N, C-alpha and C. Protein backbone atom coordinates (compact mmCIF):
# COMPACT_ATOMS: atom_id res chain seq x y z
N ARG A 1 0.85 -1.18 0.00
CA ARG A 1 0.00 0.00 0.00
C ARG A 1 0.89 1.24 0.00
N HIS A 2 0.54 2.19 -0.82
CA HIS A 2 1.32 3.43 -0.92
C HIS A 2 0.93 4.36 0.22
N CYS A 3 1.91 4.82 0.93
CA CYS A 3 1.65 5.72 2.05
C CYS A 3 2.41 7.02 1.86
N ARG A 4 1.77 8.09 2.24
CA ARG A 4 2.40 9.40 2.23
C ARG A 4 2.52 9.81 3.69
N PHE A 5 3.69 10.26 4.07
CA PHE A 5 3.91 10.64 5.45
C PHE A 5 4.08 12.15 5.55
N LEU A 6 3.19 12.76 6.29
CA LEU A 6 3.27 14.18 6.57
C LEU A 6 3.67 14.31 8.03
N ILE A 7 4.60 15.16 8.31
CA ILE A 7 5.02 15.37 9.70
C ILE A 7 4.84 16.84 10.01
N ARG A 8 4.07 17.10 11.04
CA ARG A 8 3.86 18.46 11.53
C ARG A 8 4.45 18.50 12.93
N THR A 9 5.50 19.26 13.09
CA THR A 9 6.19 19.26 14.38
C THR A 9 5.57 20.27 15.34
N HIS A 10 5.81 20.03 16.60
CA HIS A 10 5.38 20.92 17.66
C HIS A 10 6.46 21.98 17.85
N GLY A 11 6.09 23.15 18.25
CA GLY A 11 7.06 24.22 18.44
C GLY A 11 8.18 23.88 19.40
N MET A 12 7.91 23.02 20.37
CA MET A 12 8.93 22.65 21.36
C MET A 12 9.69 21.38 20.97
N GLN A 13 9.37 20.83 19.80
CA GLN A 13 9.94 19.54 19.41
C GLN A 13 11.30 19.71 18.73
N HIS A 14 12.20 18.81 19.06
CA HIS A 14 13.50 18.76 18.39
C HIS A 14 13.34 17.92 17.13
N LEU A 15 13.90 18.38 16.02
CA LEU A 15 13.69 17.71 14.74
C LEU A 15 14.62 16.54 14.48
N ARG A 16 15.73 16.45 15.20
CA ARG A 16 16.67 15.35 14.97
C ARG A 16 16.00 13.97 15.14
N PRO A 17 15.22 13.72 16.21
CA PRO A 17 14.57 12.41 16.33
C PRO A 17 13.60 12.11 15.17
N VAL A 18 12.96 13.14 14.65
CA VAL A 18 12.04 12.95 13.52
C VAL A 18 12.84 12.47 12.30
N ALA A 19 13.94 13.12 12.03
CA ALA A 19 14.79 12.73 10.90
C ALA A 19 15.34 11.32 11.10
N GLN A 20 15.73 10.98 12.33
CA GLN A 20 16.25 9.64 12.61
C GLN A 20 15.17 8.58 12.39
N LEU A 21 13.96 8.87 12.83
CA LEU A 21 12.84 7.94 12.64
C LEU A 21 12.57 7.71 11.16
N ALA A 22 12.57 8.78 10.38
CA ALA A 22 12.34 8.65 8.93
C ALA A 22 13.44 7.81 8.28
N ARG A 23 14.70 8.06 8.65
CA ARG A 23 15.81 7.27 8.09
C ARG A 23 15.71 5.81 8.51
N HIS A 24 15.38 5.57 9.78
CA HIS A 24 15.30 4.21 10.31
C HIS A 24 14.29 3.36 9.53
N PHE A 25 13.15 3.94 9.21
CA PHE A 25 12.10 3.20 8.50
C PHE A 25 12.11 3.48 7.00
N ASP A 26 13.16 4.18 6.51
CA ASP A 26 13.31 4.50 5.09
C ASP A 26 12.04 5.15 4.53
N LEU A 27 11.60 6.21 5.20
CA LEU A 27 10.38 6.91 4.81
C LEU A 27 10.70 8.20 4.07
N LYS A 28 9.86 8.49 3.11
CA LYS A 28 9.92 9.79 2.45
C LYS A 28 8.84 10.63 3.12
N VAL A 29 9.23 11.74 3.70
CA VAL A 29 8.28 12.53 4.47
C VAL A 29 8.21 13.96 3.97
N SER A 30 7.09 14.56 4.24
CA SER A 30 6.90 15.99 4.01
C SER A 30 6.85 16.63 5.40
N LEU A 31 7.83 17.47 5.68
CA LEU A 31 7.94 18.07 7.01
C LEU A 31 7.28 19.44 7.05
N ASN A 32 6.37 19.60 7.99
CA ASN A 32 5.65 20.86 8.22
C ASN A 32 5.00 21.44 6.96
N PRO A 33 4.09 20.67 6.35
CA PRO A 33 3.39 21.22 5.19
C PRO A 33 2.58 22.45 5.62
N PRO A 34 2.35 23.38 4.70
CA PRO A 34 1.67 24.64 5.08
C PRO A 34 0.16 24.43 5.26
N LEU A 35 -0.20 23.71 6.30
CA LEU A 35 -1.60 23.40 6.59
C LEU A 35 -1.91 23.77 8.03
N HIS A 36 -3.14 24.19 8.28
CA HIS A 36 -3.60 24.34 9.65
C HIS A 36 -3.74 22.94 10.25
N LEU A 37 -3.70 22.85 11.55
CA LEU A 37 -3.79 21.56 12.22
C LEU A 37 -5.02 20.77 11.77
N GLU A 38 -6.16 21.44 11.68
CA GLU A 38 -7.39 20.76 11.29
C GLU A 38 -7.30 20.22 9.86
N GLU A 39 -6.69 20.98 8.95
CA GLU A 39 -6.50 20.52 7.58
C GLU A 39 -5.55 19.33 7.54
N PHE A 40 -4.49 19.42 8.32
CA PHE A 40 -3.51 18.35 8.40
C PHE A 40 -4.18 17.05 8.85
N VAL A 41 -4.98 17.14 9.90
CA VAL A 41 -5.67 15.96 10.42
C VAL A 41 -6.67 15.42 9.40
N ALA A 42 -7.41 16.30 8.74
CA ALA A 42 -8.40 15.87 7.75
C ALA A 42 -7.74 15.09 6.61
N GLN A 43 -6.51 15.42 6.25
CA GLN A 43 -5.82 14.76 5.15
C GLN A 43 -5.08 13.50 5.58
N SER A 44 -5.12 13.17 6.85
CA SER A 44 -4.36 12.04 7.38
C SER A 44 -5.27 10.87 7.70
N ASP A 45 -4.73 9.66 7.53
CA ASP A 45 -5.47 8.46 7.90
C ASP A 45 -5.15 8.02 9.32
N ILE A 46 -3.92 8.26 9.74
CA ILE A 46 -3.45 7.88 11.07
C ILE A 46 -2.66 9.06 11.62
N ILE A 47 -2.84 9.36 12.88
CA ILE A 47 -2.08 10.43 13.52
C ILE A 47 -1.16 9.79 14.56
N ILE A 48 0.10 10.18 14.53
CA ILE A 48 1.07 9.76 15.55
C ILE A 48 1.46 11.04 16.28
N THR A 49 1.27 11.05 17.58
CA THR A 49 1.48 12.28 18.33
C THR A 49 2.18 12.00 19.64
N GLN A 50 2.48 13.06 20.32
CA GLN A 50 3.01 12.97 21.68
C GLN A 50 2.03 13.69 22.60
N ASN A 51 2.30 13.67 23.88
CA ASN A 51 1.42 14.36 24.82
C ASN A 51 1.39 15.84 24.51
N SER A 52 0.33 16.28 23.92
CA SER A 52 0.17 17.68 23.54
C SER A 52 -1.31 17.95 23.37
N THR A 53 -1.70 19.18 23.57
CA THR A 53 -3.11 19.52 23.37
C THR A 53 -3.50 19.34 21.90
N ALA A 54 -2.54 19.34 20.98
CA ALA A 54 -2.84 19.09 19.57
C ALA A 54 -3.41 17.69 19.36
N ALA A 55 -3.22 16.79 20.30
CA ALA A 55 -3.75 15.42 20.20
C ALA A 55 -5.27 15.40 20.30
N LEU A 56 -5.88 16.49 20.76
CA LEU A 56 -7.35 16.52 20.85
C LEU A 56 -8.01 16.57 19.48
N VAL A 57 -7.39 17.25 18.53
CA VAL A 57 -8.00 17.44 17.21
C VAL A 57 -8.24 16.11 16.48
N PRO A 58 -7.25 15.20 16.40
CA PRO A 58 -7.56 13.93 15.74
C PRO A 58 -8.61 13.09 16.47
N LEU A 59 -8.70 13.24 17.79
CA LEU A 59 -9.74 12.50 18.51
C LEU A 59 -11.12 13.02 18.12
N ILE A 60 -11.25 14.33 18.04
CA ILE A 60 -12.53 14.92 17.63
C ILE A 60 -12.88 14.47 16.21
N ALA A 61 -11.86 14.32 15.35
CA ALA A 61 -12.07 13.90 13.96
C ALA A 61 -12.19 12.39 13.81
N HIS A 62 -12.15 11.66 14.93
CA HIS A 62 -12.24 10.19 14.93
C HIS A 62 -11.16 9.53 14.08
N LYS A 63 -9.94 10.03 14.18
CA LYS A 63 -8.80 9.44 13.49
C LYS A 63 -8.06 8.52 14.47
N PRO A 64 -7.59 7.36 14.01
CA PRO A 64 -6.75 6.55 14.89
C PRO A 64 -5.54 7.39 15.31
N THR A 65 -5.34 7.52 16.60
CA THR A 65 -4.31 8.40 17.13
C THR A 65 -3.37 7.60 18.01
N ILE A 66 -2.14 7.47 17.54
CA ILE A 66 -1.12 6.73 18.28
C ILE A 66 -0.35 7.72 19.14
N LEU A 67 -0.30 7.42 20.41
CA LEU A 67 0.40 8.29 21.36
C LEU A 67 1.78 7.72 21.64
N LEU A 68 2.81 8.50 21.28
CA LEU A 68 4.17 8.11 21.60
C LEU A 68 4.50 8.61 22.99
N ASP A 69 5.21 7.83 23.73
CA ASP A 69 5.59 8.20 25.08
C ASP A 69 6.64 9.30 25.03
N SER A 70 6.31 10.43 25.59
CA SER A 70 7.26 11.53 25.66
C SER A 70 6.88 12.40 26.84
N TRP A 71 7.72 13.32 27.15
CA TRP A 71 7.46 14.20 28.28
C TRP A 71 6.97 15.53 27.76
N PHE A 72 5.82 15.97 28.26
CA PHE A 72 5.28 17.28 27.91
C PHE A 72 4.84 17.91 29.23
N PRO A 73 5.50 18.98 29.66
CA PRO A 73 5.32 19.48 31.02
C PRO A 73 3.96 20.09 31.33
N PHE A 74 3.15 20.37 30.33
CA PHE A 74 1.92 21.11 30.58
C PHE A 74 0.66 20.25 30.53
N LEU A 75 0.81 18.94 30.43
CA LEU A 75 -0.36 18.11 30.28
C LEU A 75 -0.41 17.05 31.38
N ASP A 76 -1.59 16.71 31.80
CA ASP A 76 -1.79 15.70 32.82
C ASP A 76 -1.47 14.33 32.23
N GLU A 77 -0.31 13.80 32.59
CA GLU A 77 0.15 12.54 32.03
C GLU A 77 -0.85 11.40 32.26
N GLY A 78 -1.43 11.34 33.44
CA GLY A 78 -2.36 10.26 33.74
C GLY A 78 -3.62 10.32 32.89
N LEU A 79 -4.14 11.51 32.67
CA LEU A 79 -5.35 11.68 31.88
C LEU A 79 -5.13 11.21 30.46
N ILE A 80 -3.99 11.51 29.90
CA ILE A 80 -3.71 11.17 28.50
C ILE A 80 -3.20 9.74 28.37
N LYS A 81 -2.14 9.42 29.08
CA LYS A 81 -1.48 8.13 28.88
C LYS A 81 -2.36 6.94 29.19
N SER A 82 -3.20 7.04 30.17
CA SER A 82 -4.00 5.89 30.57
C SER A 82 -5.32 5.81 29.83
N ASN A 83 -5.60 6.75 28.95
CA ASN A 83 -6.91 6.79 28.32
C ASN A 83 -6.99 5.90 27.09
N PRO A 84 -8.02 5.05 27.00
CA PRO A 84 -8.15 4.13 25.86
C PRO A 84 -8.53 4.81 24.54
N ALA A 85 -8.73 6.12 24.54
CA ALA A 85 -9.02 6.82 23.29
C ALA A 85 -7.78 6.86 22.39
N PHE A 86 -6.60 6.70 23.01
CA PHE A 86 -5.34 6.71 22.27
C PHE A 86 -4.83 5.30 22.10
N LEU A 87 -4.22 5.03 20.97
CA LEU A 87 -3.49 3.79 20.77
C LEU A 87 -2.06 4.06 21.22
N LYS A 88 -1.40 3.07 21.79
CA LYS A 88 -0.08 3.31 22.36
C LYS A 88 0.91 2.21 21.97
N VAL A 89 2.18 2.59 21.94
CA VAL A 89 3.27 1.62 21.81
C VAL A 89 4.22 1.84 22.97
N LYS A 90 4.77 0.75 23.47
CA LYS A 90 5.70 0.86 24.60
C LYS A 90 7.07 1.34 24.13
N ASN A 91 7.44 0.97 22.91
CA ASN A 91 8.69 1.46 22.34
C ASN A 91 8.50 1.61 20.83
N ILE A 92 9.39 2.37 20.23
CA ILE A 92 9.25 2.75 18.84
C ILE A 92 9.29 1.55 17.89
N SER A 93 9.90 0.46 18.30
CA SER A 93 9.98 -0.72 17.43
C SER A 93 8.60 -1.35 17.20
N GLN A 94 7.62 -1.06 18.07
CA GLN A 94 6.26 -1.60 17.91
C GLN A 94 5.41 -0.76 16.95
N LEU A 95 5.89 0.41 16.59
CA LEU A 95 5.10 1.33 15.77
C LEU A 95 4.72 0.75 14.40
N PRO A 96 5.64 0.14 13.63
CA PRO A 96 5.22 -0.40 12.33
C PRO A 96 4.11 -1.44 12.43
N LYS A 97 4.18 -2.30 13.44
CA LYS A 97 3.15 -3.34 13.59
C LYS A 97 1.79 -2.71 13.89
N LEU A 98 1.76 -1.71 14.76
CA LEU A 98 0.49 -1.05 15.08
C LEU A 98 -0.08 -0.35 13.85
N ILE A 99 0.78 0.30 13.08
CA ILE A 99 0.31 0.95 11.85
C ILE A 99 -0.26 -0.10 10.90
N ASP A 100 0.40 -1.25 10.76
CA ASP A 100 -0.11 -2.33 9.91
C ASP A 100 -1.48 -2.80 10.38
N VAL A 101 -1.67 -2.92 11.69
CA VAL A 101 -2.96 -3.34 12.24
C VAL A 101 -4.05 -2.34 11.87
N ILE A 102 -3.74 -1.05 11.99
CA ILE A 102 -4.73 -0.01 11.68
C ILE A 102 -5.05 -0.02 10.19
N VAL A 103 -4.03 -0.04 9.35
CA VAL A 103 -4.21 0.01 7.90
C VAL A 103 -4.95 -1.22 7.39
N SER A 104 -4.70 -2.37 7.98
CA SER A 104 -5.34 -3.60 7.53
C SER A 104 -6.80 -3.71 7.96
N GLY A 105 -7.25 -2.78 8.80
CA GLY A 105 -8.65 -2.81 9.24
C GLY A 105 -8.92 -3.75 10.39
N LYS A 106 -7.88 -4.20 11.06
CA LYS A 106 -8.04 -5.15 12.17
C LYS A 106 -8.37 -4.45 13.48
N ILE A 107 -8.63 -3.18 13.43
CA ILE A 107 -8.99 -2.43 14.63
C ILE A 107 -10.46 -2.04 14.51
N ASN A 108 -11.18 -2.12 15.60
CA ASN A 108 -12.60 -1.78 15.61
C ASN A 108 -12.73 -0.25 15.66
N ARG A 109 -12.89 0.36 14.49
CA ARG A 109 -12.93 1.82 14.40
C ARG A 109 -14.15 2.40 15.11
N GLN A 110 -15.27 1.68 15.08
CA GLN A 110 -16.48 2.17 15.75
C GLN A 110 -16.27 2.22 17.27
N LEU A 111 -15.68 1.19 17.82
CA LEU A 111 -15.39 1.17 19.26
C LEU A 111 -14.38 2.26 19.61
N LEU A 112 -13.36 2.42 18.78
CA LEU A 112 -12.36 3.46 19.01
C LEU A 112 -13.01 4.84 19.00
N SER A 113 -13.92 5.08 18.06
CA SER A 113 -14.62 6.38 17.99
C SER A 113 -15.42 6.65 19.25
N LYS A 114 -16.05 5.62 19.80
CA LYS A 114 -16.80 5.79 21.05
C LYS A 114 -15.87 6.17 22.20
N LYS A 115 -14.71 5.51 22.25
CA LYS A 115 -13.73 5.84 23.29
C LYS A 115 -13.22 7.26 23.13
N GLN A 116 -13.01 7.68 21.88
CA GLN A 116 -12.55 9.04 21.62
C GLN A 116 -13.61 10.06 22.04
N ASP A 117 -14.86 9.80 21.70
CA ASP A 117 -15.96 10.70 22.10
C ASP A 117 -16.04 10.81 23.62
N ARG A 118 -15.90 9.68 24.30
CA ARG A 118 -15.97 9.66 25.76
C ARG A 118 -14.84 10.52 26.36
N PHE A 119 -13.65 10.40 25.81
CA PHE A 119 -12.52 11.19 26.30
C PHE A 119 -12.77 12.68 26.08
N ILE A 120 -13.20 13.07 24.88
CA ILE A 120 -13.45 14.48 24.58
C ILE A 120 -14.52 15.03 25.51
N HIS A 121 -15.58 14.27 25.73
CA HIS A 121 -16.65 14.72 26.62
C HIS A 121 -16.13 14.87 28.05
N GLN A 122 -15.30 13.92 28.48
CA GLN A 122 -14.71 13.97 29.83
C GLN A 122 -13.79 15.19 29.95
N PHE A 123 -13.03 15.46 28.90
CA PHE A 123 -12.04 16.53 28.96
C PHE A 123 -12.66 17.92 28.82
N CYS A 124 -13.61 18.08 27.90
CA CYS A 124 -14.11 19.44 27.62
C CYS A 124 -15.62 19.56 27.59
N GLY A 125 -16.33 18.49 27.89
CA GLY A 125 -17.78 18.57 27.85
C GLY A 125 -18.29 18.36 26.43
N PRO A 126 -19.56 18.61 26.20
CA PRO A 126 -20.13 18.38 24.87
C PRO A 126 -19.51 19.33 23.83
N LEU A 127 -19.42 18.84 22.59
CA LEU A 127 -18.90 19.67 21.50
C LEU A 127 -20.02 20.55 20.98
N ASN A 128 -20.11 21.73 21.57
CA ASN A 128 -21.12 22.70 21.17
C ASN A 128 -20.46 24.08 21.13
N THR A 129 -21.25 25.14 21.17
CA THR A 129 -20.68 26.49 21.06
C THR A 129 -19.80 26.86 22.26
N GLN A 130 -19.86 26.11 23.32
CA GLN A 130 -19.03 26.38 24.50
C GLN A 130 -17.76 25.53 24.54
N ALA A 131 -17.56 24.65 23.57
CA ALA A 131 -16.44 23.71 23.60
C ALA A 131 -15.10 24.42 23.65
N GLY A 132 -14.91 25.44 22.82
CA GLY A 132 -13.64 26.16 22.82
C GLY A 132 -13.33 26.76 24.17
N LYS A 133 -14.35 27.34 24.79
CA LYS A 133 -14.18 27.93 26.12
C LYS A 133 -13.83 26.85 27.14
N ASN A 134 -14.52 25.72 27.07
CA ASN A 134 -14.26 24.62 28.01
C ASN A 134 -12.85 24.05 27.83
N ILE A 135 -12.41 23.88 26.58
CA ILE A 135 -11.07 23.37 26.32
C ILE A 135 -10.03 24.34 26.85
N ALA A 136 -10.22 25.63 26.57
CA ALA A 136 -9.27 26.65 27.06
C ALA A 136 -9.20 26.63 28.59
N LYS A 137 -10.35 26.44 29.24
CA LYS A 137 -10.38 26.38 30.70
C LYS A 137 -9.58 25.19 31.21
N GLN A 138 -9.78 24.01 30.57
CA GLN A 138 -9.03 22.81 30.97
C GLN A 138 -7.54 23.00 30.77
N ILE A 139 -7.16 23.57 29.64
CA ILE A 139 -5.75 23.77 29.36
C ILE A 139 -5.13 24.76 30.33
N SER A 140 -5.87 25.80 30.67
CA SER A 140 -5.32 26.80 31.59
C SER A 140 -5.02 26.21 32.96
N HIS A 141 -5.74 25.16 33.36
CA HIS A 141 -5.47 24.48 34.63
C HIS A 141 -4.19 23.65 34.57
N LEU A 142 -3.79 23.29 33.36
CA LEU A 142 -2.63 22.43 33.20
C LEU A 142 -1.33 23.20 33.09
N ILE A 143 -1.40 24.51 32.79
CA ILE A 143 -0.16 25.27 32.64
C ILE A 143 0.04 26.25 33.77
């Protein structure tokens, strides 16, 4: 299967590990395409992220979201890491197998979407006209 890899880095992220990961798996990547986060997520089939508030967008869009273990000082590690809305790998060597499972359709996307909805509702309440305010309030408690 032909895959296109887009990488959108976080402002606090070091790019050397991204380049090493691409070389390790012999990937051709597009780094930081000129897209808003929402456009980036809409064009992606799978999202691989770290603990960041940007991880909320693919959950809202019901995209399979793989959470890589990393340190992010402004987020509640327990809320994110232990939540079943995210798919996880214990080490980077497990990443190709998890991607294969997602691409092959061996993951229950409907069940994953329900878990994602539950997490978003728990984190920011219902997605309505107050959602932005609720998300900002939650984030402000974390920083």
